[in-house]
Protein backbone atom coordinates (compact mmCIF):
# COMPACT_ATOMS: atom_id res chain seq x y z
CA MET A 1 -21.51 30.33 -38.58
CA THR A 2 -20.88 27.16 -36.81
CA ALA A 3 -22.87 25.36 -33.77
CA LYS A 4 -25.93 27.66 -33.96
CA PRO A 5 -28.72 26.69 -31.61
CA SER A 6 -31.53 24.93 -33.31
CA LEU A 7 -34.66 26.81 -34.11
CA ASP A 8 -36.85 23.57 -33.12
CA THR A 9 -35.26 23.57 -30.04
CA PRO A 10 -35.26 27.14 -28.22
CA GLU A 11 -35.72 25.76 -24.53
CA THR A 12 -31.93 24.00 -24.95
CA ASN A 13 -30.06 27.25 -26.60
CA PRO A 14 -29.20 30.15 -24.65
CA LEU A 15 -28.98 33.78 -26.06
CA ALA A 16 -27.33 36.78 -24.68
CA VAL A 17 -28.50 40.33 -24.91
CA ILE A 18 -25.96 42.93 -23.88
CA GLY A 19 -27.58 46.14 -22.41
CA ALA A 20 -30.89 46.33 -20.33
CA GLY A 21 -32.05 49.59 -22.06
CA SER A 22 -35.82 49.96 -23.48
CA TRP A 23 -34.34 48.26 -26.64
CA GLY A 24 -32.21 45.55 -25.38
CA THR A 25 -34.93 44.86 -22.47
CA THR A 26 -37.70 44.70 -25.47
CA LEU A 27 -35.52 42.00 -27.70
CA ALA A 28 -35.00 40.17 -24.85
CA GLN A 29 -38.82 39.74 -24.33
CA LEU A 30 -39.27 38.84 -27.69
CA LEU A 31 -36.93 36.01 -27.54
CA GLY A 32 -38.10 35.04 -24.21
CA GLU A 33 -41.68 34.73 -25.14
CA LYS A 34 -40.59 32.77 -28.63
CA GLY A 35 -39.21 30.19 -25.83
CA TRP A 36 -35.63 30.70 -25.81
CA SER A 37 -33.44 31.12 -22.76
CA VAL A 38 -32.13 34.57 -22.62
CA ARG A 39 -29.69 36.12 -20.51
CA LEU A 40 -29.50 39.97 -20.28
CA TRP A 41 -26.40 41.80 -19.35
CA VAL A 42 -27.50 44.80 -17.01
CA ARG A 43 -25.09 47.33 -16.52
CA GLU A 44 -27.02 49.66 -13.69
CA ALA A 45 -27.29 48.15 -10.36
CA GLU A 46 -30.61 49.42 -9.80
CA VAL A 47 -32.19 48.19 -12.85
CA TYR A 48 -30.81 44.96 -12.00
CA GLU A 49 -32.30 45.04 -8.52
CA GLY A 50 -35.64 45.78 -9.79
CA LEU A 51 -35.37 43.02 -12.65
CA CYS A 52 -34.47 40.57 -9.91
CA ARG A 53 -37.15 41.49 -7.58
CA ASP A 54 -40.13 42.39 -9.73
CA ARG A 55 -38.95 41.17 -13.62
CA ILE A 56 -39.63 44.72 -14.43
CA ASN A 57 -37.34 47.27 -15.96
CA HIS A 58 -39.04 49.97 -13.74
CA THR A 59 -36.20 52.53 -15.42
CA PHE A 60 -36.39 51.86 -19.12
CA LEU A 61 -39.20 49.73 -19.78
CA PRO A 62 -41.80 50.36 -17.03
CA GLY A 63 -45.50 48.45 -16.51
CA VAL A 64 -43.63 45.29 -18.57
CA ARG A 65 -43.29 42.11 -16.69
CA LEU A 66 -40.80 39.87 -18.39
CA SER A 67 -40.67 36.29 -19.34
CA THR A 68 -39.59 33.72 -16.94
CA ARG A 69 -37.15 32.58 -19.53
CA ILE A 70 -35.06 35.54 -19.07
CA SER A 71 -32.12 35.69 -16.52
CA PHE A 72 -30.44 38.41 -15.53
CA TYR A 73 -26.74 38.85 -15.39
CA GLN A 74 -23.81 41.58 -14.06
CA GLU A 75 -20.91 39.62 -15.05
CA PHE A 76 -19.93 38.94 -18.90
CA ALA A 77 -18.39 35.43 -18.32
CA PRO A 78 -21.51 33.59 -17.25
CA ALA A 79 -23.98 35.65 -19.45
CA LEU A 80 -21.69 34.45 -22.58
CA GLU A 81 -20.71 31.08 -22.02
CA GLY A 82 -22.16 28.82 -24.80
CA VAL A 83 -24.10 31.36 -26.59
CA ALA A 84 -23.95 31.26 -30.19
CA VAL A 85 -25.75 34.55 -30.73
CA ALA A 86 -24.97 37.78 -28.60
CA VAL A 87 -27.24 40.83 -29.15
CA MET A 88 -25.47 44.30 -28.34
CA ALA A 89 -27.89 47.02 -27.48
CA VAL A 90 -25.94 49.67 -25.97
CA PRO A 91 -25.07 53.22 -27.01
CA SER A 92 -22.57 53.71 -29.40
CA HIS A 93 -20.16 55.71 -27.05
CA GLY A 94 -19.89 52.87 -24.82
CA TYR A 95 -19.53 50.06 -27.69
CA ARG A 96 -16.09 49.90 -27.84
CA GLN A 97 -15.41 50.13 -24.03
CA LEU A 98 -17.77 46.99 -23.52
CA LEU A 99 -16.50 44.68 -26.34
CA SER A 100 -13.14 45.50 -24.88
CA ALA A 101 -14.26 44.36 -21.48
CA LEU A 102 -16.38 41.24 -22.89
CA LYS A 103 -13.68 39.97 -25.46
CA ALA A 104 -11.89 37.61 -23.38
CA HIS A 105 -15.55 35.99 -22.74
CA TRP A 106 -16.79 36.00 -26.62
CA PRO A 107 -17.73 32.59 -27.35
CA THR A 108 -15.72 31.05 -30.41
CA SER A 109 -17.85 31.55 -33.85
CA GLY A 110 -20.69 33.46 -31.77
CA VAL A 111 -22.67 36.05 -33.99
CA LEU A 112 -22.81 39.28 -32.94
CA LEU A 113 -26.14 40.90 -33.64
CA SER A 114 -25.72 44.87 -33.31
CA ALA A 115 -28.98 46.74 -32.08
CA THR A 116 -27.14 50.37 -31.92
CA LYS A 117 -27.80 53.25 -34.09
CA GLY A 118 -25.04 55.44 -34.23
CA MET A 119 -21.13 56.28 -35.07
CA GLU A 120 -18.22 56.32 -32.94
CA ILE A 121 -16.81 59.54 -32.64
CA ASP A 122 -13.16 59.25 -32.51
CA SER A 123 -12.67 56.91 -35.44
CA LEU A 124 -15.70 57.86 -37.41
CA LEU A 125 -17.00 54.56 -37.52
CA THR A 126 -19.83 52.05 -37.57
CA MET A 127 -20.48 49.64 -35.39
CA GLU A 128 -19.32 47.14 -38.09
CA GLY A 129 -15.78 49.04 -37.88
CA VAL A 130 -15.44 48.82 -33.96
CA VAL A 131 -16.36 45.10 -33.90
CA ARG A 132 -13.93 44.32 -36.68
CA GLU A 133 -11.00 46.17 -34.57
CA GLU A 134 -12.22 44.88 -31.15
CA LEU A 135 -13.09 40.92 -32.10
CA GLY A 136 -11.52 40.77 -35.56
CA ALA A 137 -12.71 40.84 -38.96
CA GLU A 138 -13.68 37.16 -38.72
CA THR A 139 -16.06 37.66 -36.19
CA PRO A 140 -19.84 36.67 -37.87
CA TYR A 141 -21.67 40.31 -37.78
CA ALA A 142 -25.13 41.64 -38.50
CA VAL A 143 -26.96 44.62 -37.68
CA LEU A 144 -30.81 44.98 -36.62
CA SER A 145 -32.37 48.55 -37.60
CA GLY A 146 -35.63 49.99 -38.89
CA PRO A 147 -38.48 51.96 -37.57
CA SER A 148 -39.13 50.44 -33.80
CA PHE A 149 -40.12 52.14 -31.08
CA ALA A 150 -39.16 49.91 -28.19
CA ARG A 151 -42.50 50.01 -26.19
CA GLU A 152 -44.61 49.49 -29.06
CA VAL A 153 -42.67 46.41 -29.94
CA ALA A 154 -43.19 44.99 -26.12
CA GLN A 155 -46.93 45.98 -26.68
CA LYS A 156 -46.85 43.66 -29.89
CA GLN A 157 -47.62 46.30 -32.43
CA PRO A 158 -46.80 45.26 -35.95
CA THR A 159 -43.38 46.24 -36.80
CA ALA A 160 -41.11 45.64 -39.54
CA VAL A 161 -37.16 45.84 -39.51
CA THR A 162 -34.32 44.91 -41.53
CA ILE A 163 -31.51 42.57 -40.20
CA ALA A 164 -28.40 42.80 -42.78
CA SER A 165 -24.97 40.95 -42.80
CA ARG A 166 -22.55 40.12 -45.27
CA ARG A 167 -22.96 36.37 -44.87
CA ARG A 168 -26.44 35.48 -46.25
CA GLU A 169 -26.85 32.55 -44.02
CA VAL A 170 -26.34 34.78 -40.50
CA ALA A 171 -28.99 37.20 -41.98
CA LEU A 172 -31.47 34.20 -43.01
CA TYR A 173 -30.80 32.38 -39.69
CA LEU A 174 -31.55 35.58 -37.61
CA GLN A 175 -34.36 36.56 -39.80
CA LYS A 176 -36.10 33.15 -38.26
CA LEU A 177 -34.80 33.59 -35.02
CA PHE A 178 -36.27 37.03 -34.39
CA SER A 179 -39.40 37.15 -36.43
CA ALA A 180 -42.83 36.77 -34.68
CA PRO A 181 -46.41 37.52 -35.49
CA TYR A 182 -46.12 41.17 -34.65
CA PHE A 183 -42.26 41.62 -35.49
CA ARG A 184 -41.96 41.25 -39.29
CA VAL A 185 -37.76 40.64 -40.29
CA TYR A 186 -36.13 41.30 -43.92
CA THR A 187 -32.84 40.83 -44.65
CA SER A 188 -30.01 42.74 -46.41
CA HIS A 189 -26.69 42.43 -47.20
CA ASP A 190 -26.13 46.08 -47.12
CA VAL A 191 -24.52 46.41 -43.72
CA THR A 192 -23.05 49.68 -44.39
CA GLY A 193 -26.43 51.47 -45.88
CA VAL A 194 -28.56 49.87 -42.79
CA GLU A 195 -26.29 51.23 -40.62
CA LEU A 196 -25.75 54.49 -41.85
CA GLY A 197 -29.55 54.96 -42.07
CA GLY A 198 -29.82 54.04 -38.36
CA ALA A 199 -27.17 56.60 -37.44
CA LEU A 200 -28.26 59.57 -39.47
CA LYS A 201 -32.04 59.59 -38.85
CA ASN A 202 -31.55 60.71 -35.23
CA ILE A 203 -29.80 63.83 -36.50
CA PHE A 204 -32.61 64.79 -38.80
CA ALA A 205 -34.99 63.78 -35.83
CA ILE A 206 -33.41 66.61 -33.73
CA GLY A 207 -34.02 68.77 -36.57
CA THR A 208 -37.81 68.14 -36.88
CA GLY A 209 -37.85 68.59 -33.46
CA ILE A 210 -36.67 71.95 -33.36
CA LEU A 211 -39.17 72.84 -36.14
CA VAL A 212 -41.61 71.91 -33.60
CA GLY A 213 -40.27 73.23 -30.59
CA MET A 214 -40.37 76.46 -32.49
CA GLY A 215 -43.99 76.39 -33.44
CA LEU A 216 -43.49 75.62 -37.02
CA GLY A 217 -45.92 73.59 -38.83
CA ASP A 218 -46.14 70.50 -41.46
CA ASN A 219 -44.63 72.15 -44.81
CA PRO A 220 -40.93 72.67 -43.12
CA ARG A 221 -40.64 69.34 -41.58
CA ALA A 222 -41.88 67.51 -44.62
CA ALA A 223 -38.99 69.51 -46.58
CA LEU A 224 -36.54 68.21 -43.68
CA ILE A 225 -37.30 64.97 -44.07
CA THR A 226 -37.28 64.83 -47.85
CA ARG A 227 -33.93 66.51 -48.04
CA GLY A 228 -32.55 64.07 -45.08
CA VAL A 229 -33.53 61.14 -47.41
CA ALA A 230 -31.06 63.32 -50.09
CA GLU A 231 -28.19 63.73 -47.64
CA MET A 232 -28.55 59.98 -46.21
CA THR A 233 -28.32 58.55 -49.77
CA ARG A 234 -25.71 60.89 -50.66
CA LEU A 235 -23.44 59.93 -48.08
CA GLY A 236 -24.15 56.19 -47.96
CA ALA A 237 -23.38 56.01 -51.91
CA ARG A 238 -20.04 57.91 -51.38
CA LEU A 239 -19.34 55.11 -48.62
CA GLY A 240 -20.58 52.23 -51.07
CA ALA A 241 -23.98 51.41 -49.85
CA ASN A 242 -26.81 50.64 -51.95
CA PRO A 243 -28.91 53.70 -52.34
CA MET A 244 -32.27 51.85 -52.26
CA THR A 245 -31.49 50.86 -48.62
CA LEU A 246 -31.66 54.49 -47.69
CA ILE A 247 -35.12 54.63 -49.00
CA GLY A 248 -36.29 51.17 -47.26
CA LEU A 249 -37.14 50.20 -43.69
CA ALA A 250 -33.68 51.18 -42.16
CA GLY A 251 -33.28 54.54 -43.84
CA LEU A 252 -36.80 55.96 -45.23
CA GLY A 253 -38.85 54.08 -42.65
CA ASP A 254 -36.83 54.88 -39.52
CA LEU A 255 -36.19 58.61 -40.73
CA ILE A 256 -40.31 59.01 -41.03
CA LEU A 257 -40.98 57.54 -37.26
CA THR A 258 -38.38 59.46 -35.55
CA CYS A 259 -39.23 62.59 -37.20
CA THR A 260 -43.03 62.38 -36.42
CA GLY A 261 -43.13 60.10 -33.59
CA PRO A 262 -42.98 62.06 -30.07
CA GLN A 263 -41.54 58.83 -28.48
CA SER A 264 -38.55 59.69 -30.00
CA ARG A 265 -35.63 60.93 -27.73
CA ASN A 266 -33.94 62.66 -30.47
CA PHE A 267 -37.03 64.01 -31.63
CA GLN A 268 -37.77 65.32 -28.04
CA VAL A 269 -34.10 66.72 -27.81
CA GLY A 270 -34.92 68.88 -31.01
CA VAL A 271 -38.32 70.23 -29.40
CA LYS A 272 -36.58 71.57 -26.38
CA LEU A 273 -33.94 72.92 -28.37
CA GLY A 274 -36.15 74.85 -30.37
CA GLN A 275 -38.20 76.11 -27.07
CA GLY A 276 -34.90 77.81 -26.31
CA LEU A 277 -33.47 75.17 -23.63
CA PRO A 278 -29.69 74.55 -23.58
CA LEU A 279 -28.36 71.36 -24.72
CA PRO A 280 -26.85 70.57 -21.24
CA GLN A 281 -29.80 71.26 -19.41
CA ILE A 282 -31.75 69.24 -21.90
CA LEU A 283 -29.35 66.02 -21.56
CA GLU A 284 -29.20 66.31 -17.69
CA GLY A 285 -32.96 65.41 -17.66
CA MET A 286 -32.99 62.52 -19.70
CA ALA A 287 -32.49 58.80 -18.44
CA MET A 288 -31.84 57.49 -21.58
CA VAL A 289 -29.40 58.54 -24.56
CA ALA A 290 -30.36 60.68 -27.51
CA GLU A 291 -27.61 59.13 -29.98
CA GLY A 292 -28.03 61.69 -32.27
CA VAL A 293 -26.79 64.39 -30.66
CA LYS A 294 -23.14 62.80 -30.41
CA THR A 295 -23.66 61.19 -34.23
CA SER A 296 -24.18 64.77 -35.70
CA ARG A 297 -20.34 65.57 -34.81
CA ALA A 298 -19.24 62.31 -35.86
CA VAL A 299 -21.13 62.66 -39.03
CA HIS A 300 -20.27 66.47 -39.20
CA LEU A 301 -16.62 65.35 -39.46
CA LEU A 302 -17.17 62.59 -41.62
CA ALA A 303 -18.97 64.60 -44.23
CA GLN A 304 -16.18 67.10 -44.36
CA ARG A 305 -13.49 64.25 -44.59
CA LEU A 306 -15.11 63.09 -47.70
CA GLY A 307 -15.89 66.39 -49.10
CA VAL A 308 -20.03 65.22 -48.89
CA GLU A 309 -22.35 68.33 -49.10
CA MET A 310 -24.58 67.82 -45.73
CA PRO A 311 -26.16 70.91 -45.37
CA LEU A 312 -28.69 69.88 -42.84
CA VAL A 313 -26.24 67.40 -40.73
CA GLU A 314 -23.97 70.88 -40.76
CA ALA A 315 -27.18 72.93 -39.47
CA VAL A 316 -27.97 70.41 -36.64
CA TYR A 317 -24.40 70.22 -35.56
CA ARG A 318 -23.97 73.86 -35.37
CA ILE A 319 -26.92 74.24 -33.35
CA LEU A 320 -25.94 71.34 -30.81
CA TYR A 321 -22.28 72.56 -30.79
CA GLU A 322 -21.54 76.06 -31.83
CA ASP A 323 -24.79 77.85 -30.49
CA LEU A 324 -26.27 78.81 -34.01
CA ALA A 325 -29.55 80.11 -33.48
CA PRO A 326 -32.48 77.63 -35.13
CA LYS A 327 -33.76 81.09 -36.70
CA ASP A 328 -30.54 81.74 -38.27
CA ALA A 329 -29.75 78.09 -39.50
CA ILE A 330 -33.21 78.19 -41.31
CA LYS A 331 -32.38 81.27 -42.94
CA LYS A 332 -29.11 79.98 -44.13
CA LEU A 333 -30.52 76.66 -45.29
CA MET A 334 -33.59 78.34 -47.16
CA THR A 335 -31.49 80.95 -49.00
CA ARG A 336 -28.45 78.58 -50.27
CA GLU A 337 -27.86 78.16 -53.86
CA LEU A 338 -30.78 77.30 -55.75
CA LYS A 339 -30.26 74.04 -57.44
CA ASP A 340 -32.07 71.19 -59.85
CA GLU A 341 -33.24 68.48 -57.42
CA LEU A 342 -32.24 65.50 -58.99
CA GLU A 343 -29.06 66.75 -59.70
CA ALA A 344 -28.84 67.35 -55.94
CA MET A 345 -29.85 64.11 -54.91
CA THR A 346 -27.74 62.32 -57.20
CA GLU A 347 -24.72 64.16 -57.24
CA THR A 348 -22.39 61.48 -55.92
CA TRP A 349 -24.36 58.26 -56.57
């Protein structure tokens, strides 16, 4: 990484955040309150107008007045000019399109930090793979993930996350850049494991939401979370991730949060599905994206291609896209062939 901004003089070094959803806005606020000059790129005209007028993101982070260190843009060129670090905080299904649109303005040697949790459906790639195809394999890349509801971070509630990069110096620099008294950052070199954890947990959050929507109790939720970890580690190991990553913050930590926290959009989609509402109606009423809906299709296809057994992912996928009744999905899961627990967890490690 070259020309990185000095951590001692943040006021003279601009950073960029691409995407003004709840998470992008929160990360911009974190950096702005640490003294950095932050350029927040905003897609939606009404969000941009509200930010310029009130310094409040009324749509995605209402009630939080943003730092005066944050400026707002709707054009890529001025937002990215001269920055050494840019955060991508956009939904996975629009990730490639945005990269394609902004790559003509991408700063030389600029570090891309992905704050997106999902997979691309057509290519079955994580965001690292999309970045490599669009910006080139030489682009310094890192991913931020872990149990972190945006509003709680904006409220400065104690939060711990992981930043992973294949370049140790990048991970260490970003760790210091984002760390705050209420925001503890760990580093990792396991980009694959961290990205898979962030994507897969959303699928299982939909599943636990379905259980709650059906009026079921804590036993089935605990079973789903535990077996969800088994499926995460199974696929992760097949793709070269360290299984330990999937029981860390980016895996089990984020899984617990989204499977038990009512703030999770994916969990709420599941609750409504369990209550019998059709998926199109649920999505129509949501302002923000529930990544697990699209990611379930990508992971289902990837598991089939790799021959990795993921019965919970298959069940959620079939409920979402094949109108499988949740009660029938549960019956099928509970009557599968009986197995040894440890053998079932580690069969592809």
